Amino acid sequence: MTTAKTLIVGFGNVLLSDDGFGVEVVQRLAASKLPPHIETMDVGIGGMHFMLRLMEGFTALIVVDAVQRGQPPGTLYVFTPGTDDLAIQSGERVDPHCAEPTRSMKLAKALGFLPEKVTVVGCEPATCHLGIGLTVAIDSAVERAVEHIRELVLGDAGRTGGEIHPGTRILS
């Protein structure tokens, strides 16, 4: 019996302020103690490296990124992309060099190595304009995201404090 492998990836451009949310979350997770079957990857803007890593074979994927859905900055979203969200539409060109998470996942699915279990943990950014460092609201959301991801992959053993409700789609 093989152990289920989970890959946690952080997307984002650290030169565009809050767009670096996913990168910061994954860096903090990587610095913490995780079991060997849980791997982290700072994708940044390197979509091809992400694709090659997925080819190693994972049973679950957690994508962490800035997500704009119109809520207040720092709002966390947890969702599973729909089947249609990850389907390549007729005539659609998917660039393997593109680091945008949805496009990368579409390509991985089309090539047959996207894990069946995909979860997105997103954060509403305050700004994605040129600048290094996260805004205060997004920086404070990073630790909540780390804790939620630890609970997703480790269950109650990953909880370090705070209240998280299973099935929550928006965490504030």
N, C-alpha and C. Protein backbone atom coordinates (compact mmCIF):
# COMPACT_ATOMS: atom_id res chain seq x y z
N MET A 1 0.84 -1.19 0.00
CA MET A 1 0.00 0.00 0.00
C MET A 1 0.88 1.25 0.00
N THR A 2 0.62 2.16 -0.92
CA THR A 2 1.40 3.39 -0.98
C THR A 2 0.71 4.48 -0.16
N THR A 3 1.53 5.35 0.38
CA THR A 3 1.02 6.45 1.17
C THR A 3 0.48 7.54 0.25
N ALA A 4 -0.64 8.10 0.62
CA ALA A 4 -1.20 9.22 -0.14
C ALA A 4 -0.22 10.38 -0.05
N LYS A 5 0.08 10.97 -1.20
CA LYS A 5 0.99 12.12 -1.23
C LYS A 5 0.21 13.38 -1.54
N THR A 6 0.47 14.41 -0.76
CA THR A 6 -0.18 15.70 -0.96
C THR A 6 0.87 16.73 -1.33
N LEU A 7 0.58 17.53 -2.34
CA LEU A 7 1.45 18.63 -2.73
C LEU A 7 0.72 19.94 -2.42
N ILE A 8 1.37 20.81 -1.68
CA ILE A 8 0.83 22.13 -1.36
C ILE A 8 1.68 23.14 -2.12
N VAL A 9 1.04 23.90 -3.03
CA VAL A 9 1.79 24.83 -3.87
C VAL A 9 1.32 26.26 -3.62
N GLY A 10 2.28 27.17 -3.60
CA GLY A 10 1.99 28.59 -3.44
C GLY A 10 2.30 29.33 -4.72
N PHE A 11 1.28 29.94 -5.30
CA PHE A 11 1.44 30.76 -6.50
C PHE A 11 1.54 32.22 -6.10
N GLY A 12 2.17 33.02 -6.94
CA GLY A 12 2.15 34.46 -6.72
C GLY A 12 3.45 35.13 -7.11
N ASN A 13 3.34 36.42 -7.29
CA ASN A 13 4.49 37.25 -7.63
C ASN A 13 4.79 38.15 -6.43
N VAL A 14 5.91 37.90 -5.77
CA VAL A 14 6.25 38.65 -4.56
C VAL A 14 6.60 40.11 -4.86
N LEU A 15 6.72 40.46 -6.12
CA LEU A 15 6.99 41.86 -6.51
C LEU A 15 5.70 42.65 -6.68
N LEU A 16 4.55 41.97 -6.52
CA LEU A 16 3.25 42.62 -6.68
C LEU A 16 2.46 42.55 -5.37
N SER A 17 3.09 42.95 -4.30
CA SER A 17 2.49 43.04 -2.97
C SER A 17 1.68 41.80 -2.60
N ASP A 18 0.37 41.93 -2.43
CA ASP A 18 -0.46 40.83 -1.92
C ASP A 18 -0.55 39.63 -2.86
N ASP A 19 -0.11 39.78 -4.10
CA ASP A 19 -0.08 38.64 -5.00
C ASP A 19 0.88 37.57 -4.47
N GLY A 20 1.78 37.96 -3.57
CA GLY A 20 2.73 37.02 -2.97
C GLY A 20 2.15 36.20 -1.83
N PHE A 21 0.85 36.29 -1.58
CA PHE A 21 0.20 35.56 -0.49
C PHE A 21 0.52 34.06 -0.51
N GLY A 22 0.30 33.41 -1.65
CA GLY A 22 0.52 31.97 -1.74
C GLY A 22 1.95 31.57 -1.45
N VAL A 23 2.88 32.37 -1.93
CA VAL A 23 4.30 32.10 -1.70
C VAL A 23 4.61 32.18 -0.20
N GLU A 24 4.10 33.20 0.47
CA GLU A 24 4.36 33.36 1.90
C GLU A 24 3.75 32.22 2.71
N VAL A 25 2.55 31.81 2.39
CA VAL A 25 1.90 30.70 3.11
C VAL A 25 2.73 29.44 2.97
N VAL A 26 3.16 29.12 1.76
CA VAL A 26 3.91 27.89 1.53
C VAL A 26 5.29 27.96 2.19
N GLN A 27 5.91 29.13 2.20
CA GLN A 27 7.20 29.25 2.88
C GLN A 27 7.06 28.98 4.38
N ARG A 28 5.98 29.47 4.97
CA ARG A 28 5.76 29.21 6.40
C ARG A 28 5.44 27.75 6.66
N LEU A 29 4.66 27.14 5.79
CA LEU A 29 4.38 25.71 5.93
C LEU A 29 5.66 24.89 5.79
N ALA A 30 6.50 25.25 4.83
CA ALA A 30 7.75 24.52 4.60
C ALA A 30 8.68 24.61 5.81
N ALA A 31 8.60 25.70 6.56
CA ALA A 31 9.44 25.89 7.75
C ALA A 31 8.89 25.14 8.96
N SER A 32 7.68 24.61 8.85
CA SER A 32 7.07 23.88 9.96
C SER A 32 7.29 22.38 9.78
N LYS A 33 6.96 21.64 10.80
CA LYS A 33 7.13 20.19 10.75
C LYS A 33 5.92 19.56 10.05
N LEU A 34 6.19 18.92 8.92
CA LEU A 34 5.16 18.22 8.15
C LEU A 34 5.61 16.79 7.92
N PRO A 35 4.69 15.85 7.89
CA PRO A 35 5.06 14.46 7.60
C PRO A 35 5.66 14.34 6.19
N PRO A 36 6.45 13.31 5.94
CA PRO A 36 7.12 13.16 4.64
C PRO A 36 6.16 13.02 3.45
N HIS A 37 4.92 12.60 3.67
CA HIS A 37 3.99 12.45 2.55
C HIS A 37 3.32 13.77 2.15
N ILE A 38 3.66 14.84 2.86
CA ILE A 38 3.13 16.17 2.53
C ILE A 38 4.30 17.03 2.08
N GLU A 39 4.24 17.47 0.83
CA GLU A 39 5.32 18.25 0.25
C GLU A 39 4.83 19.65 -0.09
N THR A 40 5.74 20.61 -0.02
CA THR A 40 5.40 21.99 -0.36
C THR A 40 6.24 22.43 -1.55
N MET A 41 5.70 23.41 -2.26
CA MET A 41 6.43 23.96 -3.41
C MET A 41 6.06 25.43 -3.58
N ASP A 42 7.06 26.26 -3.61
CA ASP A 42 6.90 27.68 -3.92
C ASP A 42 6.95 27.78 -5.45
N VAL A 43 5.77 27.88 -6.06
CA VAL A 43 5.69 27.96 -7.52
C VAL A 43 6.07 29.36 -7.98
N GLY A 44 5.67 30.37 -7.20
CA GLY A 44 5.92 31.74 -7.63
C GLY A 44 5.24 31.97 -8.96
N ILE A 45 6.04 32.25 -9.98
CA ILE A 45 5.50 32.44 -11.32
C ILE A 45 6.07 31.40 -12.29
N GLY A 46 6.57 30.27 -11.75
CA GLY A 46 7.19 29.23 -12.57
C GLY A 46 6.28 28.07 -12.87
N GLY A 47 5.35 28.23 -13.77
CA GLY A 47 4.36 27.22 -14.08
C GLY A 47 4.93 25.90 -14.57
N MET A 48 6.01 25.92 -15.33
CA MET A 48 6.59 24.68 -15.86
C MET A 48 7.12 23.80 -14.74
N HIS A 49 7.75 24.38 -13.74
CA HIS A 49 8.25 23.59 -12.60
C HIS A 49 7.10 22.91 -11.87
N PHE A 50 5.97 23.60 -11.75
CA PHE A 50 4.78 23.04 -11.11
C PHE A 50 4.30 21.82 -11.90
N MET A 51 4.25 21.95 -13.22
CA MET A 51 3.78 20.86 -14.07
C MET A 51 4.69 19.64 -13.91
N LEU A 52 5.99 19.86 -13.92
CA LEU A 52 6.93 18.75 -13.78
C LEU A 52 6.80 18.08 -12.42
N ARG A 53 6.57 18.87 -11.40
CA ARG A 53 6.42 18.30 -10.04
C ARG A 53 5.16 17.44 -9.96
N LEU A 54 4.07 17.90 -10.57
CA LEU A 54 2.83 17.10 -10.55
C LEU A 54 3.02 15.74 -11.22
N MET A 55 3.91 15.68 -12.17
CA MET A 55 4.15 14.42 -12.88
C MET A 55 4.73 13.34 -11.96
N GLU A 56 5.23 13.74 -10.79
CA GLU A 56 5.77 12.78 -9.83
C GLU A 56 4.67 11.91 -9.23
N GLY A 57 3.43 12.37 -9.32
CA GLY A 57 2.30 11.60 -8.83
C GLY A 57 1.90 11.97 -7.42
N PHE A 58 0.79 12.66 -7.30
CA PHE A 58 0.24 13.05 -6.00
C PHE A 58 -1.23 12.66 -5.96
N THR A 59 -1.72 12.37 -4.78
CA THR A 59 -3.13 12.01 -4.63
C THR A 59 -3.99 13.22 -4.29
N ALA A 60 -3.35 14.28 -3.80
CA ALA A 60 -4.08 15.51 -3.45
C ALA A 60 -3.21 16.72 -3.75
N LEU A 61 -3.88 17.82 -4.06
CA LEU A 61 -3.21 19.07 -4.37
C LEU A 61 -3.93 20.19 -3.64
N ILE A 62 -3.15 21.05 -2.98
CA ILE A 62 -3.70 22.26 -2.38
C ILE A 62 -2.99 23.43 -3.03
N VAL A 63 -3.76 24.29 -3.67
CA VAL A 63 -3.24 25.47 -4.36
C VAL A 63 -3.53 26.68 -3.49
N VAL A 64 -2.51 27.48 -3.23
CA VAL A 64 -2.65 28.68 -2.39
C VAL A 64 -2.30 29.88 -3.25
N ASP A 65 -3.22 30.86 -3.30
CA ASP A 65 -3.01 32.01 -4.18
C ASP A 65 -3.91 33.17 -3.75
N ALA A 66 -3.60 34.34 -4.24
CA ALA A 66 -4.49 35.49 -4.10
C ALA A 66 -5.69 35.26 -5.02
N VAL A 67 -6.89 35.49 -4.50
CA VAL A 67 -8.12 35.25 -5.25
C VAL A 67 -9.04 36.46 -5.09
N GLN A 68 -9.42 37.07 -6.20
CA GLN A 68 -10.29 38.23 -6.13
C GLN A 68 -11.74 37.82 -6.36
N ARG A 69 -12.55 37.99 -5.30
CA ARG A 69 -13.97 37.65 -5.38
C ARG A 69 -14.85 38.74 -4.79
N GLY A 70 -14.27 39.91 -4.52
CA GLY A 70 -15.07 41.05 -4.10
C GLY A 70 -15.36 41.17 -2.62
N GLN A 71 -14.73 40.36 -1.78
CA GLN A 71 -14.90 40.45 -0.34
C GLN A 71 -13.82 41.37 0.25
N PRO A 72 -13.92 41.69 1.53
CA PRO A 72 -12.89 42.55 2.14
C PRO A 72 -11.51 41.90 2.09
N PRO A 73 -10.45 42.72 1.95
CA PRO A 73 -9.09 42.18 1.95
C PRO A 73 -8.83 41.32 3.19
N GLY A 74 -8.18 40.19 2.97
CA GLY A 74 -7.88 39.27 4.05
C GLY A 74 -8.88 38.15 4.19
N THR A 75 -10.00 38.22 3.45
CA THR A 75 -10.98 37.14 3.48
C THR A 75 -10.35 35.90 2.86
N LEU A 76 -10.47 34.77 3.54
CA LEU A 76 -9.95 33.51 3.02
C LEU A 76 -11.07 32.71 2.39
N TYR A 77 -10.77 32.10 1.26
CA TYR A 77 -11.71 31.24 0.55
C TYR A 77 -11.12 29.84 0.49
N VAL A 78 -11.95 28.85 0.68
CA VAL A 78 -11.54 27.45 0.54
C VAL A 78 -12.58 26.79 -0.37
N PHE A 79 -12.13 26.27 -1.51
CA PHE A 79 -13.08 25.66 -2.44
C PHE A 79 -12.40 24.62 -3.31
N THR A 80 -13.22 23.80 -3.91
CA THR A 80 -12.78 22.82 -4.88
C THR A 80 -13.20 23.31 -6.25
N PRO A 81 -12.26 23.44 -7.19
CA PRO A 81 -12.65 23.87 -8.53
C PRO A 81 -13.62 22.87 -9.16
N GLY A 82 -14.60 23.38 -9.86
CA GLY A 82 -15.56 22.51 -10.55
C GLY A 82 -14.93 21.84 -11.76
N THR A 83 -15.52 20.76 -12.19
CA THR A 83 -15.03 20.02 -13.35
C THR A 83 -14.94 20.93 -14.58
N ASP A 84 -15.96 21.76 -14.78
CA ASP A 84 -15.96 22.67 -15.93
C ASP A 84 -14.87 23.73 -15.82
N ASP A 85 -14.53 24.12 -14.58
CA ASP A 85 -13.48 25.13 -14.37
C ASP A 85 -12.13 24.64 -14.87
N LEU A 86 -11.93 23.32 -14.86
CA LEU A 86 -10.63 22.75 -15.22
C LEU A 86 -10.64 22.05 -16.58
N ALA A 87 -11.71 22.19 -17.32
CA ALA A 87 -11.79 21.59 -18.65
C ALA A 87 -11.28 22.59 -19.69
N ILE A 88 -10.48 22.10 -20.61
CA ILE A 88 -10.01 22.95 -21.70
C ILE A 88 -11.14 23.06 -22.72
N GLN A 89 -11.52 24.28 -23.00
CA GLN A 89 -12.61 24.53 -23.93
C GLN A 89 -12.11 24.40 -25.37
N SER A 90 -13.00 24.09 -26.28
CA SER A 90 -12.67 23.95 -27.68
C SER A 90 -11.98 25.23 -28.18
N GLY A 91 -10.82 25.06 -28.77
CA GLY A 91 -10.09 26.20 -29.32
C GLY A 91 -9.24 26.95 -28.30
N GLU A 92 -9.35 26.59 -27.02
CA GLU A 92 -8.57 27.28 -25.99
C GLU A 92 -7.12 26.83 -26.04
N ARG A 93 -6.23 27.79 -25.98
CA ARG A 93 -4.79 27.50 -25.97
C ARG A 93 -4.32 27.55 -24.53
N VAL A 94 -3.66 26.49 -24.08
CA VAL A 94 -3.13 26.45 -22.73
C VAL A 94 -1.61 26.44 -22.82
N ASP A 95 -0.99 27.46 -22.26
CA ASP A 95 0.46 27.65 -22.31
C ASP A 95 1.10 27.00 -21.08
N PRO A 96 1.96 26.01 -21.25
CA PRO A 96 2.57 25.35 -20.09
C PRO A 96 3.52 26.26 -19.32
N HIS A 97 3.90 27.38 -19.89
CA HIS A 97 4.79 28.31 -19.19
C HIS A 97 4.01 29.27 -18.30
N CYS A 98 2.72 29.31 -18.48
CA CYS A 98 1.88 30.23 -17.72
C CYS A 98 1.76 29.74 -16.28
N ALA A 99 1.96 30.64 -15.34
CA ALA A 99 1.92 30.25 -13.92
C ALA A 99 0.57 30.53 -13.28
N GLU A 100 -0.41 30.93 -14.04
CA GLU A 100 -1.74 31.16 -13.47
C GLU A 100 -2.29 29.79 -13.07
N PRO A 101 -2.71 29.63 -11.82
CA PRO A 101 -3.09 28.30 -11.33
C PRO A 101 -4.14 27.57 -12.16
N THR A 102 -5.21 28.23 -12.57
CA THR A 102 -6.26 27.54 -13.30
C THR A 102 -5.73 26.98 -14.61
N ARG A 103 -4.97 27.76 -15.32
CA ARG A 103 -4.42 27.28 -16.61
C ARG A 103 -3.47 26.11 -16.39
N SER A 104 -2.64 26.19 -15.36
CA SER A 104 -1.72 25.10 -15.06
C SER A 104 -2.49 23.83 -14.70
N MET A 105 -3.54 23.97 -13.90
CA MET A 105 -4.33 22.79 -13.53
C MET A 105 -5.07 22.22 -14.73
N LYS A 106 -5.55 23.08 -15.64
CA LYS A 106 -6.21 22.60 -16.85
C LYS A 106 -5.26 21.74 -17.67
N LEU A 107 -4.05 22.21 -17.81
CA LEU A 107 -3.07 21.47 -18.59
C LEU A 107 -2.75 20.14 -17.91
N ALA A 108 -2.55 20.17 -16.59
CA ALA A 108 -2.26 18.93 -15.85
C ALA A 108 -3.40 17.94 -15.98
N LYS A 109 -4.63 18.44 -15.94
CA LYS A 109 -5.79 17.55 -16.09
C LYS A 109 -5.83 16.95 -17.50
N ALA A 110 -5.59 17.78 -18.50
CA ALA A 110 -5.61 17.29 -19.89
C ALA A 110 -4.53 16.25 -20.13
N LEU A 111 -3.41 16.39 -19.44
CA LEU A 111 -2.31 15.44 -19.61
C LEU A 111 -2.43 14.23 -18.70
N GLY A 112 -3.41 14.27 -17.79
CA GLY A 112 -3.71 13.10 -16.97
C GLY A 112 -2.97 12.99 -15.66
N PHE A 113 -2.36 14.06 -15.18
CA PHE A 113 -1.67 13.95 -13.90
C PHE A 113 -2.11 14.96 -12.85
N LEU A 114 -3.28 15.53 -13.02
CA LEU A 114 -3.85 16.37 -11.96
C LEU A 114 -4.50 15.44 -10.94
N PRO A 115 -4.14 15.57 -9.65
CA PRO A 115 -4.79 14.71 -8.65
C PRO A 115 -6.30 14.91 -8.66
N GLU A 116 -7.03 13.85 -8.28
CA GLU A 116 -8.49 13.97 -8.23
C GLU A 116 -8.93 14.94 -7.16
N LYS A 117 -8.21 14.99 -6.05
CA LYS A 117 -8.58 15.88 -4.95
C LYS A 117 -7.78 17.18 -5.06
N VAL A 118 -8.47 18.26 -5.41
CA VAL A 118 -7.84 19.58 -5.53
C VAL A 118 -8.61 20.56 -4.65
N THR A 119 -7.89 21.26 -3.82
CA THR A 119 -8.47 22.29 -2.96
C THR A 119 -7.72 23.59 -3.20
N VAL A 120 -8.46 24.67 -3.29
CA VAL A 120 -7.85 26.00 -3.43
C VAL A 120 -8.07 26.76 -2.12
N VAL A 121 -7.00 27.33 -1.60
CA VAL A 121 -7.08 28.22 -0.45
C VAL A 121 -6.64 29.59 -0.97
N GLY A 122 -7.58 30.50 -1.05
CA GLY A 122 -7.31 31.81 -1.61
C GLY A 122 -7.53 32.91 -0.60
N CYS A 123 -6.94 34.05 -0.87
CA CYS A 123 -7.09 35.21 0.00
C CYS A 123 -7.39 36.44 -0.86
N GLU A 124 -8.41 37.17 -0.45
CA GLU A 124 -8.77 38.42 -1.14
C GLU A 124 -7.65 39.44 -0.90
N PRO A 125 -6.97 39.89 -1.96
CA PRO A 125 -5.88 40.86 -1.78
C PRO A 125 -6.42 42.28 -1.59
N ALA A 126 -5.60 43.10 -0.95
CA ALA A 126 -5.91 44.53 -0.87
C ALA A 126 -5.38 45.23 -2.12
N THR A 127 -4.20 44.80 -2.57
CA THR A 127 -3.59 45.38 -3.76
C THR A 127 -2.63 44.38 -4.39
N CYS A 128 -2.55 44.41 -5.70
CA CYS A 128 -1.58 43.60 -6.42
C CYS A 128 -0.74 44.51 -7.31
N HIS A 129 -0.49 45.71 -6.81
CA HIS A 129 0.34 46.67 -7.54
C HIS A 129 1.80 46.47 -7.15
N LEU A 130 2.69 47.01 -7.93
CA LEU A 130 4.11 46.89 -7.69
C LEU A 130 4.46 47.27 -6.26
N GLY A 131 5.13 46.37 -5.57
CA GLY A 131 5.56 46.61 -4.21
C GLY A 131 5.95 45.30 -3.56
N ILE A 132 6.96 45.36 -2.71
CA ILE A 132 7.43 44.16 -2.02
C ILE A 132 6.84 44.12 -0.63
N GLY A 133 6.28 42.99 -0.27
CA GLY A 133 5.69 42.80 1.05
C GLY A 133 4.18 42.82 0.99
N LEU A 134 3.60 42.05 1.91
CA LEU A 134 2.15 41.97 2.00
C LEU A 134 1.59 43.13 2.80
N THR A 135 0.36 43.52 2.50
CA THR A 135 -0.30 44.54 3.30
C THR A 135 -0.66 43.91 4.65
N VAL A 136 -1.01 44.74 5.61
CA VAL A 136 -1.30 44.27 6.97
C VAL A 136 -2.42 43.24 6.98
N ALA A 137 -3.50 43.51 6.27
CA ALA A 137 -4.65 42.60 6.26
C ALA A 137 -4.28 41.23 5.71
N ILE A 138 -3.46 41.20 4.68
CA ILE A 138 -3.11 39.94 4.05
C ILE A 138 -2.06 39.22 4.89
N ASP A 139 -1.14 39.95 5.46
CA ASP A 139 -0.15 39.33 6.34
C ASP A 139 -0.82 38.63 7.52
N SER A 140 -1.86 39.25 8.07
CA SER A 140 -2.56 38.62 9.20
C SER A 140 -3.37 37.39 8.74
N ALA A 141 -3.73 37.34 7.47
CA ALA A 141 -4.47 36.18 6.95
C ALA A 141 -3.56 34.99 6.69
N VAL A 142 -2.28 35.23 6.55
CA VAL A 142 -1.34 34.16 6.23
C VAL A 142 -1.37 33.07 7.31
N GLU A 143 -1.28 33.45 8.56
CA GLU A 143 -1.25 32.46 9.64
C GLU A 143 -2.56 31.68 9.72
N ARG A 144 -3.69 32.34 9.47
CA ARG A 144 -4.97 31.63 9.45
C ARG A 144 -5.00 30.61 8.32
N ALA A 145 -4.44 30.98 7.18
CA ALA A 145 -4.38 30.06 6.05
C ALA A 145 -3.47 28.87 6.36
N VAL A 146 -2.32 29.14 6.97
CA VAL A 146 -1.39 28.07 7.35
C VAL A 146 -2.09 27.09 8.29
N GLU A 147 -2.78 27.62 9.27
CA GLU A 147 -3.47 26.76 10.24
C GLU A 147 -4.56 25.93 9.57
N HIS A 148 -5.31 26.55 8.69
CA HIS A 148 -6.38 25.82 8.01
C HIS A 148 -5.81 24.71 7.13
N ILE A 149 -4.74 25.00 6.42
CA ILE A 149 -4.12 23.98 5.57
C ILE A 149 -3.57 22.84 6.43
N ARG A 150 -2.95 23.17 7.54
CA ARG A 150 -2.46 22.12 8.44
C ARG A 150 -3.61 21.23 8.91
N GLU A 151 -4.75 21.83 9.18
CA GLU A 151 -5.91 21.02 9.57
C GLU A 151 -6.40 20.16 8.41
N LEU A 152 -6.39 20.72 7.19
CA LEU A 152 -6.82 19.95 6.03
C LEU A 152 -5.96 18.70 5.83
N VAL A 153 -4.65 18.84 6.00
CA VAL A 153 -3.76 17.72 5.71
C VAL A 153 -3.44 16.84 6.92
N LEU A 154 -3.60 17.39 8.12
CA LEU A 154 -3.25 16.63 9.32
C LEU A 154 -4.43 16.35 10.24
N GLY A 155 -5.60 16.91 9.93
CA GLY A 155 -6.76 16.75 10.81
C GLY A 155 -6.54 17.52 12.10
N ASP A 156 -7.11 17.07 13.18
CA ASP A 156 -6.98 17.77 14.46
C ASP A 156 -5.54 17.86 14.94
N ALA A 157 -4.69 16.95 14.49
CA ALA A 157 -3.28 16.99 14.88
C ALA A 157 -2.59 18.23 14.34
N GLY A 158 -3.13 18.82 13.27
CA GLY A 158 -2.51 20.00 12.68
C GLY A 158 -2.97 21.30 13.30
N ARG A 159 -3.96 21.23 14.15
CA ARG A 159 -4.54 22.43 14.74
C ARG A 159 -3.61 22.98 15.82
N THR A 160 -3.32 24.26 15.73
CA THR A 160 -2.46 24.90 16.73
C THR A 160 -3.24 25.89 17.57
N GLY A 161 -4.51 26.02 17.32
CA GLY A 161 -5.34 26.96 18.07
C GLY A 161 -6.32 27.64 17.14
N GLY A 162 -7.34 28.27 17.68
CA GLY A 162 -8.32 28.95 16.85
C GLY A 162 -9.40 28.00 16.39
N GLU A 163 -10.49 28.53 15.95
CA GLU A 163 -11.66 27.73 15.55
C GLU A 163 -11.74 27.64 14.03
N ILE A 164 -11.84 26.45 13.52
CA ILE A 164 -12.03 26.22 12.10
C ILE A 164 -13.16 25.23 11.94
N HIS A 165 -14.11 25.53 11.11
CA HIS A 165 -15.26 24.67 10.91
C HIS A 165 -15.14 23.93 9.59
N PRO A 166 -15.26 22.59 9.60
CA PRO A 166 -15.19 21.83 8.36
C PRO A 166 -16.24 22.31 7.36
N GLY A 167 -15.88 22.34 6.11
CA GLY A 167 -16.80 22.73 5.06
C GLY A 167 -16.94 24.24 4.88
N THR A 168 -16.24 25.03 5.69
CA THR A 168 -16.32 26.48 5.58
C THR A 168 -15.75 26.90 4.24
N ARG A 169 -16.46 27.74 3.55
CA ARG A 169 -16.00 28.20 2.25
C ARG A 169 -15.37 29.58 2.34
N ILE A 170 -15.83 30.40 3.25
CA ILE A 170 -15.20 31.70 3.45
C ILE A 170 -14.82 31.78 4.92
N LEU A 171 -13.54 32.00 5.17
CA LEU A 171 -13.04 32.13 6.54
C LEU A 171 -12.68 33.59 6.76
N SER A 172 -13.25 34.21 7.79
CA SER A 172 -12.91 35.62 8.03
C SER A 172 -12.19 35.78 9.33
